[in-house]
Amino acid sequence: MSQSVLYHEHGVSVYRYQSTFYKNGKTFVRIYLPREEYRCSCCGSDHIWVKETIIREFRSVPVGSREIIIVASIPKFYCHECKAIRQASIPFARPKKHYTKRFERYVLSLLRGATVQFVADLLGVSWVTIRDIEKEYLGKHFANPSLK
């Protein structure tokens, strides 16, 4: 998979393609953050020390009937400027989510003409995941301002 496909089809920017492997009918795409892109996600400083690297998996938009899992090596930094310990920012996914922003948009487009359970079965995820994506979208776009 090329860097261009990662960017245009899966919304992965900044991170670079490393390799691809296949397991149990799924395609796993390994990516990493290049050293020149290391910045504190809190203050933006490049005066940092790499504490550790963690591996996270994100579900992305399927290609045909194949599930795509993005396996990201995400550095965790100690910033000498703001004294924070943070992991690098992940621009293609929302905080604390196990799927990409493109996957969210794909789910929402499917929900226009299908039930939550159908979309969950089609994509091979829990109906709770689909419901949470829909609930977050509806809360963000159709919230009643008088209730806030």
C-alpha atoms as a PDB file:
ATOM      1  CA  MET A   1       0.000   0.000   0.000  1.00  0.00           C
ATOM      2  CA  SER A   2       1.444   3.348  -0.976  1.00  0.00           C
ATOM      3  CA  GLN A   3       1.610   6.531   1.066  1.00  0.00           C
ATOM      4  CA  SER A   4      -0.802   8.101  -1.423  1.00  0.00           C
ATOM      5  CA  VAL A   5      -3.441   5.387  -0.857  1.00  0.00           C
ATOM      6  CA  LEU A   6      -3.059   5.767   2.913  1.00  0.00           C
ATOM      7  CA  TYR A   7      -3.701   9.482   2.647  1.00  0.00           C
ATOM      8  CA  HIS A   8      -6.480   9.567   0.043  1.00  0.00           C
ATOM      9  CA  GLU A   9      -8.420   6.426   1.025  1.00  0.00           C
ATOM     10  CA  HIS A  10      -7.832   6.201   4.776  1.00  0.00           C
ATOM     11  CA  GLY A  11      -7.063   9.798   5.791  1.00  0.00           C
ATOM     12  CA  VAL A  12      -3.661   8.959   7.265  1.00  0.00           C
ATOM     13  CA  SER A  13      -1.341  11.947   7.083  1.00  0.00           C
ATOM     14  CA  VAL A  14       1.973  12.654   8.831  1.00  0.00           C
ATOM     15  CA  TYR A  15       2.450   8.935   9.597  1.00  0.00           C
ATOM     16  CA  ARG A  16       4.364   6.860   7.022  1.00  0.00           C
ATOM     17  CA  TYR A  17       3.711   3.444   5.518  1.00  0.00           C
ATOM     18  CA  GLN A  18       5.942   0.666   6.850  1.00  0.00           C
ATOM     19  CA  SER A  19       4.521  -2.698   5.731  1.00  0.00           C
ATOM     20  CA  THR A  20       1.413  -4.786   5.126  1.00  0.00           C
ATOM     21  CA  PHE A  21       0.501  -8.246   6.361  1.00  0.00           C
ATOM     22  CA  TYR A  22      -2.590 -10.435   6.081  1.00  0.00           C
ATOM     23  CA  LYS A  23      -4.187 -12.520   8.809  1.00  0.00           C
ATOM     24  CA  ASN A  24      -7.619 -14.155   9.202  1.00  0.00           C
ATOM     25  CA  GLY A  25      -9.034 -12.402   6.130  1.00  0.00           C
ATOM     26  CA  LYS A  26      -7.972  -8.953   7.337  1.00  0.00           C
ATOM     27  CA  THR A  27      -5.359  -6.588   5.940  1.00  0.00           C
ATOM     28  CA  PHE A  28      -3.069  -5.033   8.530  1.00  0.00           C
ATOM     29  CA  VAL A  29      -1.146  -1.914   7.509  1.00  0.00           C
ATOM     30  CA  ARG A  30       1.764  -0.894   9.730  1.00  0.00           C
ATOM     31  CA  ILE A  31       2.575   2.801   9.964  1.00  0.00           C
ATOM     32  CA  TYR A  32       5.018   4.892  11.992  1.00  0.00           C
ATOM     33  CA  LEU A  33       5.683   8.533  12.817  1.00  0.00           C
ATOM     34  CA  PRO A  34       8.952   9.755  11.243  1.00  0.00           C
ATOM     35  CA  ARG A  35      11.491  11.264  13.656  1.00  0.00           C
ATOM     36  CA  GLU A  36      11.307  14.708  12.012  1.00  0.00           C
ATOM     37  CA  GLU A  37       7.596  14.854  12.909  1.00  0.00           C
ATOM     38  CA  TYR A  38       8.112  14.279  16.653  1.00  0.00           C
ATOM     39  CA  ARG A  39       6.382  17.127  18.513  1.00  0.00           C
ATOM     40  CA  CYS A  40       4.806  17.468  21.927  1.00  0.00           C
ATOM     41  CA  SER A  41       1.046  17.084  21.485  1.00  0.00           C
ATOM     42  CA  CYS A  42       0.529  19.517  24.369  1.00  0.00           C
ATOM     43  CA  CYS A  43       2.716  22.516  23.459  1.00  0.00           C
ATOM     44  CA  GLY A  44       4.141  21.622  20.022  1.00  0.00           C
ATOM     45  CA  SER A  45       7.778  21.737  21.141  1.00  0.00           C
ATOM     46  CA  ASP A  46      10.381  19.516  19.489  1.00  0.00           C
ATOM     47  CA  HIS A  47      12.513  19.536  22.671  1.00  0.00           C
ATOM     48  CA  ILE A  48      11.317  16.094  23.716  1.00  0.00           C
ATOM     49  CA  TRP A  49      12.544  12.722  24.875  1.00  0.00           C
ATOM     50  CA  VAL A  50      10.955   9.495  23.643  1.00  0.00           C
ATOM     51  CA  LYS A  51       9.828   7.568  26.690  1.00  0.00           C
ATOM     52  CA  GLU A  52       8.356   4.529  24.914  1.00  0.00           C
ATOM     53  CA  THR A  53       6.479   3.454  21.804  1.00  0.00           C
ATOM     54  CA  ILE A  54       3.041   1.895  21.987  1.00  0.00           C
ATOM     55  CA  ILE A  55       1.222  -0.072  19.322  1.00  0.00           C
ATOM     56  CA  ARG A  56      -2.420   0.798  18.622  1.00  0.00           C
ATOM     57  CA  GLU A  57      -4.822  -0.690  16.111  1.00  0.00           C
ATOM     58  CA  PHE A  58      -7.465   1.355  14.298  1.00  0.00           C
ATOM     59  CA  ARG A  59     -10.241  -0.001  12.107  1.00  0.00           C
ATOM     60  CA  SER A  60     -10.428   1.821   8.790  1.00  0.00           C
ATOM     61  CA  VAL A  61     -12.716   1.834   5.766  1.00  0.00           C
ATOM     62  CA  PRO A  62     -12.871  -1.643   4.188  1.00  0.00           C
ATOM     63  CA  VAL A  63     -11.552  -2.297   0.706  1.00  0.00           C
ATOM     64  CA  GLY A  64     -14.131  -4.505  -0.953  1.00  0.00           C
ATOM     65  CA  SER A  65     -15.042  -7.102   1.643  1.00  0.00           C
ATOM     66  CA  ARG A  66     -11.618  -6.995   3.362  1.00  0.00           C
ATOM     67  CA  GLU A  67     -11.319  -5.319   6.731  1.00  0.00           C
ATOM     68  CA  ILE A  68      -8.432  -2.853   6.971  1.00  0.00           C
ATOM     69  CA  ILE A  69      -6.673  -2.492  10.312  1.00  0.00           C
ATOM     70  CA  ILE A  70      -4.100   0.278  10.680  1.00  0.00           C
ATOM     71  CA  VAL A  71      -1.387  -0.723  13.150  1.00  0.00           C
ATOM     72  CA  ALA A  72       0.330   2.442  14.366  1.00  0.00           C
ATOM     73  CA  SER A  73       3.582   2.717  16.312  1.00  0.00           C
ATOM     74  CA  ILE A  74       2.889   5.769  18.438  1.00  0.00           C
ATOM     75  CA  PRO A  75       5.720   7.348  20.427  1.00  0.00           C
ATOM     76  CA  LYS A  76       5.092   8.559  23.957  1.00  0.00           C
ATOM     77  CA  PHE A  77       7.103  11.687  24.828  1.00  0.00           C
ATOM     78  CA  TYR A  78       8.411  13.556  27.809  1.00  0.00           C
ATOM     79  CA  CYS A  79       8.460  17.256  26.896  1.00  0.00           C
ATOM     80  CA  HIS A  80      11.287  19.322  28.387  1.00  0.00           C
ATOM     81  CA  GLU A  81       9.337  22.547  27.779  1.00  0.00           C
ATOM     82  CA  CYS A  82       5.938  21.853  29.387  1.00  0.00           C
ATOM     83  CA  LYS A  83       7.030  18.811  31.477  1.00  0.00           C
ATOM     84  CA  ALA A  84       4.120  16.749  30.098  1.00  0.00           C
ATOM     85  CA  ILE A  85       4.193  13.063  29.283  1.00  0.00           C
ATOM     86  CA  ARG A  86       1.950  12.530  26.246  1.00  0.00           C
ATOM     87  CA  GLN A  87       1.648  10.273  23.269  1.00  0.00           C
ATOM     88  CA  ALA A  88       2.061  11.793  19.827  1.00  0.00           C
ATOM     89  CA  SER A  89      -1.064  13.208  18.266  1.00  0.00           C
ATOM     90  CA  ILE A  90      -3.034  10.953  15.950  1.00  0.00           C
ATOM     91  CA  PRO A  91      -4.616  13.214  13.316  1.00  0.00           C
ATOM     92  CA  PHE A  92      -6.547  10.437  11.561  1.00  0.00           C
ATOM     93  CA  ALA A  93      -8.486   9.283  14.673  1.00  0.00           C
ATOM     94  CA  ARG A  94     -10.323  10.920  17.535  1.00  0.00           C
ATOM     95  CA  PRO A  95      -8.929  10.579  21.075  1.00  0.00           C
ATOM     96  CA  LYS A  96      -9.735   7.287  22.817  1.00  0.00           C
ATOM     97  CA  LYS A  97     -11.286   5.733  19.677  1.00  0.00           C
ATOM     98  CA  HIS A  98     -10.257   2.472  17.981  1.00  0.00           C
ATOM     99  CA  TYR A  99     -11.374   3.519  14.489  1.00  0.00           C
ATOM    100  CA  THR A 100     -10.416   6.247  12.039  1.00  0.00           C
ATOM    101  CA  LYS A 101     -12.368   9.397  11.198  1.00  0.00           C
ATOM    102  CA  ARG A 102     -12.941   7.987   7.702  1.00  0.00           C
ATOM    103  CA  PHE A 103     -14.498   4.878   9.249  1.00  0.00           C
ATOM    104  CA  GLU A 104     -16.869   7.134  11.206  1.00  0.00           C
ATOM    105  CA  ARG A 105     -17.952   8.923   8.024  1.00  0.00           C
ATOM    106  CA  TYR A 106     -18.413   5.596   6.239  1.00  0.00           C
ATOM    107  CA  VAL A 107     -20.621   4.296   9.068  1.00  0.00           C
ATOM    108  CA  LEU A 108     -22.713   7.476   9.018  1.00  0.00           C
ATOM    109  CA  SER A 109     -23.206   7.213   5.251  1.00  0.00           C
ATOM    110  CA  LEU A 110     -24.343   3.578   5.602  1.00  0.00           C
ATOM    111  CA  LEU A 111     -26.762   4.521   8.391  1.00  0.00           C
ATOM    112  CA  ARG A 112     -28.682   6.780   5.999  1.00  0.00           C
ATOM    113  CA  GLY A 113     -30.238   3.690   4.435  1.00  0.00           C
ATOM    114  CA  ALA A 114     -29.671   0.825   6.863  1.00  0.00           C
ATOM    115  CA  THR A 115     -30.241  -0.179  10.459  1.00  0.00           C
ATOM    116  CA  VAL A 116     -27.594  -0.092  13.167  1.00  0.00           C
ATOM    117  CA  GLN A 117     -27.559  -3.904  13.364  1.00  0.00           C
ATOM    118  CA  PHE A 118     -27.177  -4.300   9.578  1.00  0.00           C
ATOM    119  CA  VAL A 119     -24.239  -1.864   9.464  1.00  0.00           C
ATOM    120  CA  ALA A 120     -22.605  -3.610  12.449  1.00  0.00           C
ATOM    121  CA  ASP A 121     -22.959  -7.021  10.773  1.00  0.00           C
ATOM    122  CA  LEU A 122     -21.703  -5.669   7.434  1.00  0.00           C
ATOM    123  CA  LEU A 123     -18.582  -4.115   8.970  1.00  0.00           C
ATOM    124  CA  GLY A 124     -17.936  -6.854  11.533  1.00  0.00           C
ATOM    125  CA  VAL A 125     -18.125  -4.608  14.593  1.00  0.00           C
ATOM    126  CA  SER A 126     -20.394  -4.442  17.615  1.00  0.00           C
ATOM    127  CA  TRP A 127     -23.726  -2.670  17.256  1.00  0.00           C
ATOM    128  CA  VAL A 128     -22.646  -0.652  20.313  1.00  0.00           C
ATOM    129  CA  THR A 129     -19.761   0.838  18.288  1.00  0.00           C
ATOM    130  CA  ILE A 130     -22.128   1.823  15.483  1.00  0.00           C
ATOM    131  CA  ARG A 131     -24.655   3.249  17.939  1.00  0.00           C
ATOM    132  CA  ASP A 132     -21.929   5.287  19.683  1.00  0.00           C
ATOM    133  CA  ILE A 133     -20.750   6.765  16.371  1.00  0.00           C
ATOM    134  CA  GLU A 134     -24.320   7.723  15.498  1.00  0.00           C
ATOM    135  CA  LYS A 135     -25.039   9.050  18.991  1.00  0.00           C
ATOM    136  CA  GLU A 136     -21.911  11.238  18.995  1.00  0.00           C
ATOM    137  CA  TYR A 137     -22.772  12.615  15.561  1.00  0.00           C
ATOM    138  CA  LEU A 138     -26.371  13.389  16.523  1.00  0.00           C
ATOM    139  CA  GLY A 139     -25.300  14.971  19.803  1.00  0.00           C
ATOM    140  CA  LYS A 140     -22.803  17.194  18.028  1.00  0.00           C
ATOM    141  CA  HIS A 141     -25.035  18.275  15.152  1.00  0.00           C
ATOM    142  CA  PHE A 142     -28.534  18.279  16.608  1.00  0.00           C
ATOM    143  CA  ALA A 143     -28.036  19.187  20.261  1.00  0.00           C
ATOM    144  CA  ASN A 144     -30.712  21.356  21.823  1.00  0.00           C
ATOM    145  CA  PRO A 145     -28.909  24.559  22.920  1.00  0.00           C
ATOM    146  CA  SER A 146     -31.513  25.213  25.621  1.00  0.00           C
ATOM    147  CA  LEU A 147     -30.491  21.993  27.416  1.00  0.00           C
ATOM    148  CA  LYS A 148     -26.860  23.036  27.773  1.00  0.00           C
END
